Amino acid sequence: MPDISLTMVVVLCLAALGAGWIDAVVGGGGLLLLPALLLGLPGNTPGAYALGTNKAVAIVGTTGAAVTYVRSTPVDVRTAVRIGLAALVGSMAGAFVAVGLSTDVLKPVVMVVLLGVGAFVLLRPAFGTAAPSGPVSARRVLAAIGLAGLGIGFYDGLIGPGTGTFLVLALTAILHLDLVSASATAKIVNCCTNVGALATFAWQGTVFWQLAALMAVFNLAGGMVGARTALKKGSGFVRIVLLTVVFALVVNLAYQQWVA
């Protein structure tokens, strides 16, 4: 356990709770959880410990949300796992490239893409509200494996913020899912990528396991409640949260690029 006050432990646990809820509904929980860890851990702590502890916490909430979704709504688990395995490969490749590449160059591009996505969702109220229209063609599954799996997985390894949100948007557009089904599928994909990332951080010894275990309890509760909220309130509610998270991501990236 790192040397932090009881008050900060409580703050981190509450951040884990909120991040689990956000991540389960529409992705983007790392927008809250990772900055909380970066601020809460002692100032001389290497950043890798925040990243590793973040993954150890997030994988628990993501798994809980995925199980809740699978039990309550139809999800093509086989397709989700295939996309997830591709995302695992993509994230490893992205992390390899990130070693020698400044992500500051890419952040403005990501901000523009996010603003375009936000505008699209805002101007298309029907996006993600229609129920899935029967079996998905093999061509669309392959496209999802390539874009949502390899492509967004690569982005996750290279930069990271908003990966869950990008997955929800891509799965909705490519597989013609409603936003709730896309969120459910994205959770399974996230489980696959988190396993690979956590294994890497654990091998490097950059995880505060005791702190992660405590925060994971709250993240799990937030994830399960978030999944139930999305299932109960439907795609319209998820759309509102999606827009909120998209624009919050833009502000966060802009702050990192030009202020921090």
C-alpha atoms as a PDB file:
ATOM      1  CA  MET A   1       0.000   0.000   0.000  1.00  0.00           C
ATOM      2  CA  PRO A   2       1.471   3.404  -0.924  1.00  0.00           C
ATOM      3  CA  ASP A   3       1.957   6.002   1.799  1.00  0.00           C
ATOM      4  CA  ILE A   4      -1.253   8.022   1.429  1.00  0.00           C
ATOM      5  CA  SER A   5      -3.761   9.375   3.950  1.00  0.00           C
ATOM      6  CA  LEU A   6      -7.019   7.687   4.865  1.00  0.00           C
ATOM      7  CA  THR A   7      -8.881  10.656   3.375  1.00  0.00           C
ATOM      8  CA  MET A   8      -7.158  10.134   0.022  1.00  0.00           C
ATOM      9  CA  VAL A   9      -7.961   6.400   0.130  1.00  0.00           C
ATOM     10  CA  VAL A  10     -11.638   7.307   0.564  1.00  0.00           C
ATOM     11  CA  VAL A  11     -11.448   9.785  -2.330  1.00  0.00           C
ATOM     12  CA  LEU A  12      -9.836   7.150  -4.577  1.00  0.00           C
ATOM     13  CA  CYS A  13     -12.498   4.598  -3.653  1.00  0.00           C
ATOM     14  CA  LEU A  14     -15.262   7.081  -4.507  1.00  0.00           C
ATOM     15  CA  ALA A  15     -13.505   7.835  -7.805  1.00  0.00           C
ATOM     16  CA  ALA A  16     -13.405   4.094  -8.507  1.00  0.00           C
ATOM     17  CA  LEU A  17     -17.142   3.869  -7.784  1.00  0.00           C
ATOM     18  CA  GLY A  18     -17.969   6.701 -10.198  1.00  0.00           C
ATOM     19  CA  ALA A  19     -15.574   5.423 -12.850  1.00  0.00           C
ATOM     20  CA  GLY A  20     -17.158   1.969 -12.718  1.00  0.00           C
ATOM     21  CA  TRP A  21     -20.610   3.471 -13.288  1.00  0.00           C
ATOM     22  CA  ILE A  22     -19.476   5.639 -16.227  1.00  0.00           C
ATOM     23  CA  ASP A  23     -17.492   2.831 -17.804  1.00  0.00           C
ATOM     24  CA  ALA A  24     -20.406   0.398 -17.611  1.00  0.00           C
ATOM     25  CA  VAL A  25     -22.872   2.811 -19.188  1.00  0.00           C
ATOM     26  CA  VAL A  26     -20.819   4.074 -22.105  1.00  0.00           C
ATOM     27  CA  GLY A  27     -17.075   3.681 -21.499  1.00  0.00           C
ATOM     28  CA  GLY A  28     -14.608   6.375 -20.493  1.00  0.00           C
ATOM     29  CA  GLY A  29     -14.282   5.548 -16.803  1.00  0.00           C
ATOM     30  CA  GLY A  30     -10.529   6.015 -17.067  1.00  0.00           C
ATOM     31  CA  LEU A  31     -11.218   9.716 -17.592  1.00  0.00           C
ATOM     32  CA  LEU A  32     -12.023   9.845 -13.865  1.00  0.00           C
ATOM     33  CA  LEU A  33     -10.031   6.975 -12.383  1.00  0.00           C
ATOM     34  CA  LEU A  34      -6.571   7.526 -13.893  1.00  0.00           C
ATOM     35  CA  PRO A  35      -6.330  11.270 -13.061  1.00  0.00           C
ATOM     36  CA  ALA A  36      -7.522  10.462  -9.519  1.00  0.00           C
ATOM     37  CA  LEU A  37      -4.672   7.967  -9.125  1.00  0.00           C
ATOM     38  CA  LEU A  38      -2.129  10.361 -10.618  1.00  0.00           C
ATOM     39  CA  LEU A  39      -3.180  13.016  -8.108  1.00  0.00           C
ATOM     40  CA  GLY A  40      -3.678  10.688  -5.145  1.00  0.00           C
ATOM     41  CA  LEU A  41      -0.435   8.717  -5.210  1.00  0.00           C
ATOM     42  CA  PRO A  42       2.699  10.250  -3.651  1.00  0.00           C
ATOM     43  CA  GLY A  43       4.421  12.781  -5.891  1.00  0.00           C
ATOM     44  CA  ASN A  44       7.551  10.672  -6.398  1.00  0.00           C
ATOM     45  CA  THR A  45       5.583   7.635  -7.612  1.00  0.00           C
ATOM     46  CA  PRO A  46       6.446   6.616 -11.206  1.00  0.00           C
ATOM     47  CA  GLY A  47       3.500   7.035 -13.586  1.00  0.00           C
ATOM     48  CA  ALA A  48       3.600   3.341 -14.468  1.00  0.00           C
ATOM     49  CA  TYR A  49       2.216   2.518 -11.007  1.00  0.00           C
ATOM     50  CA  ALA A  50      -0.846   4.684 -11.638  1.00  0.00           C
ATOM     51  CA  LEU A  51      -1.371   2.956 -15.000  1.00  0.00           C
ATOM     52  CA  GLY A  52      -0.883  -0.531 -13.563  1.00  0.00           C
ATOM     53  CA  THR A  53      -3.101   0.057 -10.533  1.00  0.00           C
ATOM     54  CA  ASN A  54      -5.734   1.623 -12.788  1.00  0.00           C
ATOM     55  CA  LYS A  55      -5.880  -1.541 -14.908  1.00  0.00           C
ATOM     56  CA  ALA A  56      -6.041  -3.796 -11.842  1.00  0.00           C
ATOM     57  CA  VAL A  57      -9.049  -1.826 -10.597  1.00  0.00           C
ATOM     58  CA  ALA A  58     -10.789  -1.387 -13.948  1.00  0.00           C
ATOM     59  CA  ILE A  59     -10.665  -5.048 -14.961  1.00  0.00           C
ATOM     60  CA  VAL A  60     -12.830  -5.990 -11.962  1.00  0.00           C
ATOM     61  CA  GLY A  61     -15.531  -3.411 -12.685  1.00  0.00           C
ATOM     62  CA  THR A  62     -15.485  -4.169 -16.393  1.00  0.00           C
ATOM     63  CA  THR A  63     -15.896  -7.889 -15.765  1.00  0.00           C
ATOM     64  CA  GLY A  64     -18.765  -7.291 -13.328  1.00  0.00           C
ATOM     65  CA  ALA A  65     -20.511  -5.021 -15.837  1.00  0.00           C
ATOM     66  CA  ALA A  66     -19.998  -7.558 -18.636  1.00  0.00           C
ATOM     67  CA  VAL A  67     -21.517 -10.366 -16.544  1.00  0.00           C
ATOM     68  CA  THR A  68     -24.490  -8.154 -15.620  1.00  0.00           C
ATOM     69  CA  TYR A  69     -25.116  -7.283 -19.268  1.00  0.00           C
ATOM     70  CA  VAL A  70     -24.800 -10.882 -20.507  1.00  0.00           C
ATOM     71  CA  ARG A  71     -27.304 -12.071 -17.898  1.00  0.00           C
ATOM     72  CA  SER A  72     -29.865  -9.404 -18.780  1.00  0.00           C
ATOM     73  CA  THR A  73     -29.652  -8.649 -22.499  1.00  0.00           C
ATOM     74  CA  PRO A  74     -28.887 -10.664 -25.652  1.00  0.00           C
ATOM     75  CA  VAL A  75     -25.176 -10.380 -26.457  1.00  0.00           C
ATOM     76  CA  ASP A  76     -23.231 -12.227 -29.161  1.00  0.00           C
ATOM     77  CA  VAL A  77     -20.433 -13.323 -26.838  1.00  0.00           C
ATOM     78  CA  ARG A  78     -18.572 -15.210 -29.581  1.00  0.00           C
ATOM     79  CA  THR A  79     -18.342 -12.127 -31.800  1.00  0.00           C
ATOM     80  CA  ALA A  80     -17.402  -9.950 -28.811  1.00  0.00           C
ATOM     81  CA  VAL A  81     -14.553 -12.285 -27.838  1.00  0.00           C
ATOM     82  CA  ARG A  82     -13.259 -12.372 -31.434  1.00  0.00           C
ATOM     83  CA  ILE A  83     -13.186  -8.581 -31.501  1.00  0.00           C
ATOM     84  CA  GLY A  84     -11.606  -8.577 -28.041  1.00  0.00           C
ATOM     85  CA  LEU A  85      -8.760 -10.876 -29.078  1.00  0.00           C
ATOM     86  CA  ALA A  86      -8.059  -8.624 -32.056  1.00  0.00           C
ATOM     87  CA  ALA A  87      -8.104  -5.617 -29.708  1.00  0.00           C
ATOM     88  CA  LEU A  88      -5.612  -7.387 -27.454  1.00  0.00           C
ATOM     89  CA  VAL A  89      -3.212  -7.772 -30.372  1.00  0.00           C
ATOM     90  CA  GLY A  90      -3.835  -4.184 -31.459  1.00  0.00           C
ATOM     91  CA  SER A  91      -3.191  -2.766 -27.993  1.00  0.00           C
ATOM     92  CA  MET A  92       0.105  -4.636 -27.710  1.00  0.00           C
ATOM     93  CA  ALA A  93       1.177  -3.215 -31.083  1.00  0.00           C
ATOM     94  CA  GLY A  94       0.090   0.274 -30.041  1.00  0.00           C
ATOM     95  CA  ALA A  95       2.051   0.056 -26.795  1.00  0.00           C
ATOM     96  CA  PHE A  96       5.126  -1.066 -28.752  1.00  0.00           C
ATOM     97  CA  VAL A  97       4.845   1.921 -31.121  1.00  0.00           C
ATOM     98  CA  ALA A  98       4.149   4.326 -28.256  1.00  0.00           C
ATOM     99  CA  VAL A  99       7.632   3.723 -26.850  1.00  0.00           C
ATOM    100  CA  GLY A 100       9.211   5.699 -29.675  1.00  0.00           C
ATOM    101  CA  LEU A 101       6.391   8.090 -30.606  1.00  0.00           C
ATOM    102  CA  SER A 102       5.193  11.304 -28.996  1.00  0.00           C
ATOM    103  CA  THR A 103       1.457  11.008 -28.482  1.00  0.00           C
ATOM    104  CA  ASP A 104       1.241  14.815 -28.245  1.00  0.00           C
ATOM    105  CA  VAL A 105       1.229  14.824 -32.043  1.00  0.00           C
ATOM    106  CA  LEU A 106      -1.856  12.624 -32.140  1.00  0.00           C
ATOM    107  CA  LYS A 107      -3.935  14.240 -29.393  1.00  0.00           C
ATOM    108  CA  PRO A 108      -5.198  17.153 -31.562  1.00  0.00           C
ATOM    109  CA  VAL A 109      -6.296  14.625 -34.205  1.00  0.00           C
ATOM    110  CA  VAL A 110      -8.172  12.611 -31.584  1.00  0.00           C
ATOM    111  CA  MET A 111      -9.864  15.796 -30.340  1.00  0.00           C
ATOM    112  CA  VAL A 112     -11.084  16.634 -33.839  1.00  0.00           C
ATOM    113  CA  VAL A 113     -12.393  13.085 -34.288  1.00  0.00           C
ATOM    114  CA  LEU A 114     -14.191  13.241 -30.936  1.00  0.00           C
ATOM    115  CA  LEU A 115     -15.793  16.587 -31.791  1.00  0.00           C
ATOM    116  CA  GLY A 116     -16.951  15.142 -35.116  1.00  0.00           C
ATOM    117  CA  VAL A 117     -18.366  12.093 -33.366  1.00  0.00           C
ATOM    118  CA  GLY A 118     -20.143  14.266 -30.792  1.00  0.00           C
ATOM    119  CA  ALA A 119     -21.663  16.437 -33.502  1.00  0.00           C
ATOM    120  CA  PHE A 120     -22.808  13.347 -35.423  1.00  0.00           C
ATOM    121  CA  VAL A 121     -24.515  11.803 -32.395  1.00  0.00           C
ATOM    122  CA  LEU A 122     -26.053  15.150 -31.462  1.00  0.00           C
ATOM    123  CA  LEU A 123     -27.451  15.766 -34.951  1.00  0.00           C
ATOM    124  CA  ARG A 124     -28.649  12.173 -35.419  1.00  0.00           C
ATOM    125  CA  PRO A 125     -31.073  11.550 -32.531  1.00  0.00           C
ATOM    126  CA  ALA A 126     -31.967   8.125 -33.926  1.00  0.00           C
ATOM    127  CA  PHE A 127     -28.360   6.874 -33.822  1.00  0.00           C
ATOM    128  CA  GLY A 128     -28.154   3.787 -31.638  1.00  0.00           C
ATOM    129  CA  THR A 129     -31.831   3.741 -30.702  1.00  0.00           C
ATOM    130  CA  ALA A 130     -33.030   1.042 -33.116  1.00  0.00           C
ATOM    131  CA  ALA A 131     -33.087  -2.554 -31.904  1.00  0.00           C
ATOM    132  CA  PRO A 132     -30.565  -4.948 -33.551  1.00  0.00           C
ATOM    133  CA  SER A 133     -31.950  -6.146 -36.888  1.00  0.00           C
ATOM    134  CA  GLY A 134     -31.277  -9.868 -36.844  1.00  0.00           C
ATOM    135  CA  PRO A 135     -27.999 -11.754 -37.478  1.00  0.00           C
ATOM    136  CA  VAL A 136     -24.965  -9.688 -38.463  1.00  0.00           C
ATOM    137  CA  SER A 137     -23.260 -10.509 -41.766  1.00  0.00           C
ATOM    138  CA  ALA A 138     -19.763 -12.004 -41.805  1.00  0.00           C
ATOM    139  CA  ARG A 139     -18.511  -8.918 -43.647  1.00  0.00           C
ATOM    140  CA  ARG A 140     -19.652  -6.629 -40.831  1.00  0.00           C
ATOM    141  CA  VAL A 141     -18.106  -8.906 -38.208  1.00  0.00           C
ATOM    142  CA  LEU A 142     -14.776  -8.778 -40.056  1.00  0.00           C
ATOM    143  CA  ALA A 143     -15.049  -4.998 -40.288  1.00  0.00           C
ATOM    144  CA  ALA A 144     -15.692  -4.828 -36.526  1.00  0.00           C
ATOM    145  CA  ILE A 145     -12.690  -7.072 -35.840  1.00  0.00           C
ATOM    146  CA  GLY A 146     -10.517  -4.813 -38.000  1.00  0.00           C
ATOM    147  CA  LEU A 147     -11.731  -1.398 -36.858  1.00  0.00           C
ATOM    148  CA  ALA A 148     -13.127  -1.912 -33.352  1.00  0.00           C
ATOM    149  CA  GLY A 149     -10.632  -4.670 -32.561  1.00  0.00           C
ATOM    150  CA  LEU A 150      -7.273  -3.986 -34.158  1.00  0.00           C
ATOM    151  CA  GLY A 151      -7.812  -0.264 -34.789  1.00  0.00           C
ATOM    152  CA  ILE A 152      -9.226   0.873 -31.456  1.00  0.00           C
ATOM    153  CA  GLY A 153      -7.071  -1.669 -29.637  1.00  0.00           C
ATOM    154  CA  PHE A 154      -4.031  -0.040 -31.259  1.00  0.00           C
ATOM    155  CA  TYR A 155      -5.282   3.360 -30.091  1.00  0.00           C
ATOM    156  CA  ASP A 156      -5.733   1.989 -26.561  1.00  0.00           C
ATOM    157  CA  GLY A 157      -2.096   0.901 -26.440  1.00  0.00           C
ATOM    158  CA  LEU A 158      -0.868   4.116 -28.051  1.00  0.00           C
ATOM    159  CA  ILE A 159      -2.890   6.765 -26.143  1.00  0.00           C
ATOM    160  CA  GLY A 160      -5.861   5.252 -24.283  1.00  0.00           C
ATOM    161  CA  PRO A 161      -8.398   7.881 -23.159  1.00  0.00           C
ATOM    162  CA  GLY A 162     -11.892   7.202 -24.466  1.00  0.00           C
ATOM    163  CA  THR A 163     -11.242   3.675 -25.722  1.00  0.00           C
ATOM    164  CA  GLY A 164     -14.513   2.354 -24.289  1.00  0.00           C
ATOM    165  CA  THR A 165     -16.449   5.233 -25.825  1.00  0.00           C
ATOM    166  CA  PHE A 166     -14.872   4.659 -29.238  1.00  0.00           C
ATOM    167  CA  LEU A 167     -15.759   0.961 -28.966  1.00  0.00           C
ATOM    168  CA  VAL A 168     -19.413   1.731 -28.237  1.00  0.00           C
ATOM    169  CA  LEU A 169     -19.620   4.105 -31.212  1.00  0.00           C
ATOM    170  CA  ALA A 170     -17.839   1.741 -33.600  1.00  0.00           C
ATOM    171  CA  LEU A 171     -19.896  -1.299 -32.591  1.00  0.00           C
ATOM    172  CA  THR A 172     -23.129   0.684 -32.935  1.00  0.00           C
ATOM    173  CA  ALA A 173     -22.198   1.889 -36.416  1.00  0.00           C
ATOM    174  CA  ILE A 174     -20.665  -1.301 -37.821  1.00  0.00           C
ATOM    175  CA  LEU A 175     -22.824  -4.019 -36.285  1.00  0.00           C
ATOM    176  CA  HIS A 176     -26.038  -1.922 -36.256  1.00  0.00           C
ATOM    177  CA  LEU A 177     -26.484  -2.441 -32.513  1.00  0.00           C
ATOM    178  CA  ASP A 178     -28.470  -0.215 -30.213  1.00  0.00           C
ATOM    179  CA  LEU A 179     -26.352   1.699 -27.684  1.00  0.00           C
ATOM    180  CA  VAL A 180     -27.184  -0.662 -24.811  1.00  0.00           C
ATOM    181  CA  SER A 181     -26.164  -3.768 -26.782  1.00  0.00           C
ATOM    182  CA  ALA A 182     -23.037  -1.963 -28.000  1.00  0.00           C
ATOM    183  CA  SER A 183     -22.113  -1.079 -24.394  1.00  0.00           C
ATOM    184  CA  ALA A 184     -22.568  -4.719 -23.392  1.00  0.00           C
ATOM    185  CA  THR A 185     -20.378  -5.936 -26.261  1.00  0.00           C
ATOM    186  CA  ALA A 186     -17.762  -3.274 -25.525  1.00  0.00           C
ATOM    187  CA  LYS A 187     -17.445  -4.518 -21.940  1.00  0.00           C
ATOM    188  CA  ILE A 188     -16.484  -8.001 -23.149  1.00  0.00           C
ATOM    189  CA  VAL A 189     -13.949  -6.508 -25.558  1.00  0.00           C
ATOM    190  CA  ASN A 190     -12.568  -4.369 -22.720  1.00  0.00           C
ATOM    191  CA  CYS A 191     -12.141  -7.448 -20.552  1.00  0.00           C
ATOM    192  CA  CYS A 192      -9.857  -8.962 -23.205  1.00  0.00           C
ATOM    193  CA  THR A 193      -7.705  -5.849 -23.581  1.00  0.00           C
ATOM    194  CA  ASN A 194      -7.488  -5.289 -19.833  1.00  0.00           C
ATOM    195  CA  VAL A 195      -6.182  -8.823 -19.287  1.00  0.00           C
ATOM    196  CA  GLY A 196      -3.262  -8.205 -21.636  1.00  0.00           C
ATOM    197  CA  ALA A 197      -2.463  -4.782 -20.197  1.00  0.00           C
ATOM    198  CA  LEU A 198      -2.685  -5.956 -16.579  1.00  0.00           C
ATOM    199  CA  ALA A 199      -0.451  -8.951 -17.314  1.00  0.00           C
ATOM    200  CA  THR A 200       2.190  -6.577 -18.697  1.00  0.00           C
ATOM    201  CA  PHE A 201       2.041  -4.224 -15.697  1.00  0.00           C
ATOM    202  CA  ALA A 202       2.052  -7.138 -13.243  1.00  0.00           C
ATOM    203  CA  TRP A 203       5.114  -8.613 -14.938  1.00  0.00           C
ATOM    204  CA  GLN A 204       6.836  -5.222 -14.579  1.00  0.00           C
ATOM    205  CA  GLY A 205       5.830  -5.059 -10.903  1.00  0.00           C
ATOM    206  CA  THR A 206       4.046  -1.711 -11.264  1.00  0.00           C
ATOM    207  CA  VAL A 207       0.764  -2.457  -9.467  1.00  0.00           C
ATOM    208  CA  PHE A 208      -0.171  -1.454  -5.910  1.00  0.00           C
ATOM    209  CA  TRP A 209      -2.181  -4.616  -5.285  1.00  0.00           C
ATOM    210  CA  GLN A 210      -3.576  -3.769  -1.826  1.00  0.00           C
ATOM    211  CA  LEU A 211      -4.858  -0.361  -2.938  1.00  0.00           C
ATOM    212  CA  ALA A 212      -6.158  -1.870  -6.184  1.00  0.00           C
ATOM    213  CA  ALA A 213      -8.051  -4.595  -4.302  1.00  0.00           C
ATOM    214  CA  LEU A 214      -9.785  -2.029  -2.087  1.00  0.00           C
ATOM    215  CA  MET A 215     -10.686   0.268  -4.977  1.00  0.00           C
ATOM    216  CA  ALA A 216     -11.799  -2.688  -7.099  1.00  0.00           C
ATOM    217  CA  VAL A 217     -14.635  -3.439  -4.664  1.00  0.00           C
ATOM    218  CA  PHE A 218     -16.073   0.026  -5.293  1.00  0.00           C
ATOM    219  CA  ASN A 219     -15.375  -0.163  -9.025  1.00  0.00           C
ATOM    220  CA  LEU A 220     -17.214  -3.482  -9.203  1.00  0.00           C
ATOM    221  CA  ALA A 221     -20.232  -2.002  -7.402  1.00  0.00           C
ATOM    222  CA  GLY A 222     -20.224   1.011  -9.729  1.00  0.00           C
ATOM    223  CA  GLY A 223     -19.921  -1.185 -12.801  1.00  0.00           C
ATOM    224  CA  MET A 224     -22.803  -3.450 -11.869  1.00  0.00           C
ATOM    225  CA  VAL A 225     -25.060  -0.524 -10.929  1.00  0.00           C
ATOM    226  CA  GLY A 226     -24.106   1.274 -14.143  1.00  0.00           C
ATOM    227  CA  ALA A 227     -24.964  -1.753 -16.269  1.00  0.00           C
ATOM    228  CA  ARG A 228     -28.347  -2.094 -14.564  1.00  0.00           C
ATOM    229  CA  THR A 229     -28.993   1.638 -15.026  1.00  0.00           C
ATOM    230  CA  ALA A 230     -28.275   1.416 -18.758  1.00  0.00           C
ATOM    231  CA  LEU A 231     -30.485  -1.658 -19.116  1.00  0.00           C
ATOM    232  CA  LYS A 232     -33.324   0.000 -17.220  1.00  0.00           C
ATOM    233  CA  LYS A 233     -33.222   3.448 -18.818  1.00  0.00           C
ATOM    234  CA  GLY A 234     -32.389   2.358 -22.370  1.00  0.00           C
ATOM    235  CA  SER A 235     -30.533   3.843 -25.329  1.00  0.00           C
ATOM    236  CA  GLY A 236     -31.842   7.390 -24.882  1.00  0.00           C
ATOM    237  CA  PHE A 237     -30.198   7.670 -21.471  1.00  0.00           C
ATOM    238  CA  VAL A 238     -26.974   6.066 -22.746  1.00  0.00           C
ATOM    239  CA  ARG A 239     -26.914   8.618 -25.579  1.00  0.00           C
ATOM    240  CA  ILE A 240     -26.968  11.518 -23.083  1.00  0.00           C
ATOM    241  CA  VAL A 241     -24.128   9.993 -21.048  1.00  0.00           C
ATOM    242  CA  LEU A 242     -22.233   9.275 -24.278  1.00  0.00           C
ATOM    243  CA  LEU A 243     -22.360  12.922 -25.375  1.00  0.00           C
ATOM    244  CA  THR A 244     -21.287  14.069 -21.911  1.00  0.00           C
ATOM    245  CA  VAL A 245     -18.298  11.727 -21.872  1.00  0.00           C
ATOM    246  CA  VAL A 246     -17.259  12.607 -25.455  1.00  0.00           C
ATOM    247  CA  PHE A 247     -17.061  16.319 -24.716  1.00  0.00           C
ATOM    248  CA  ALA A 248     -15.412  15.677 -21.338  1.00  0.00           C
ATOM    249  CA  LEU A 249     -12.737  13.684 -23.173  1.00  0.00           C
ATOM    250  CA  VAL A 250     -12.163  16.604 -25.554  1.00  0.00           C
ATOM    251  CA  VAL A 251     -11.689  18.994 -22.622  1.00  0.00           C
ATOM    252  CA  ASN A 252      -9.377  16.522 -20.883  1.00  0.00           C
ATOM    253  CA  LEU A 253      -7.186  16.033 -23.969  1.00  0.00           C
ATOM    254  CA  ALA A 254      -7.085  19.785 -24.640  1.00  0.00           C
ATOM    255  CA  TYR A 255      -5.962  20.412 -21.071  1.00  0.00           C
ATOM    256  CA  GLN A 256      -3.203  17.789 -21.373  1.00  0.00           C
ATOM    257  CA  GLN A 257      -2.087  19.188 -24.734  1.00  0.00           C
ATOM    258  CA  TRP A 258      -2.004  22.930 -24.040  1.00  0.00           C
ATOM    259  CA  VAL A 259      -2.222  23.539 -20.280  1.00  0.00           C
ATOM    260  CA  ALA A 260      -0.635  20.730 -18.249  1.00  0.00           C
END
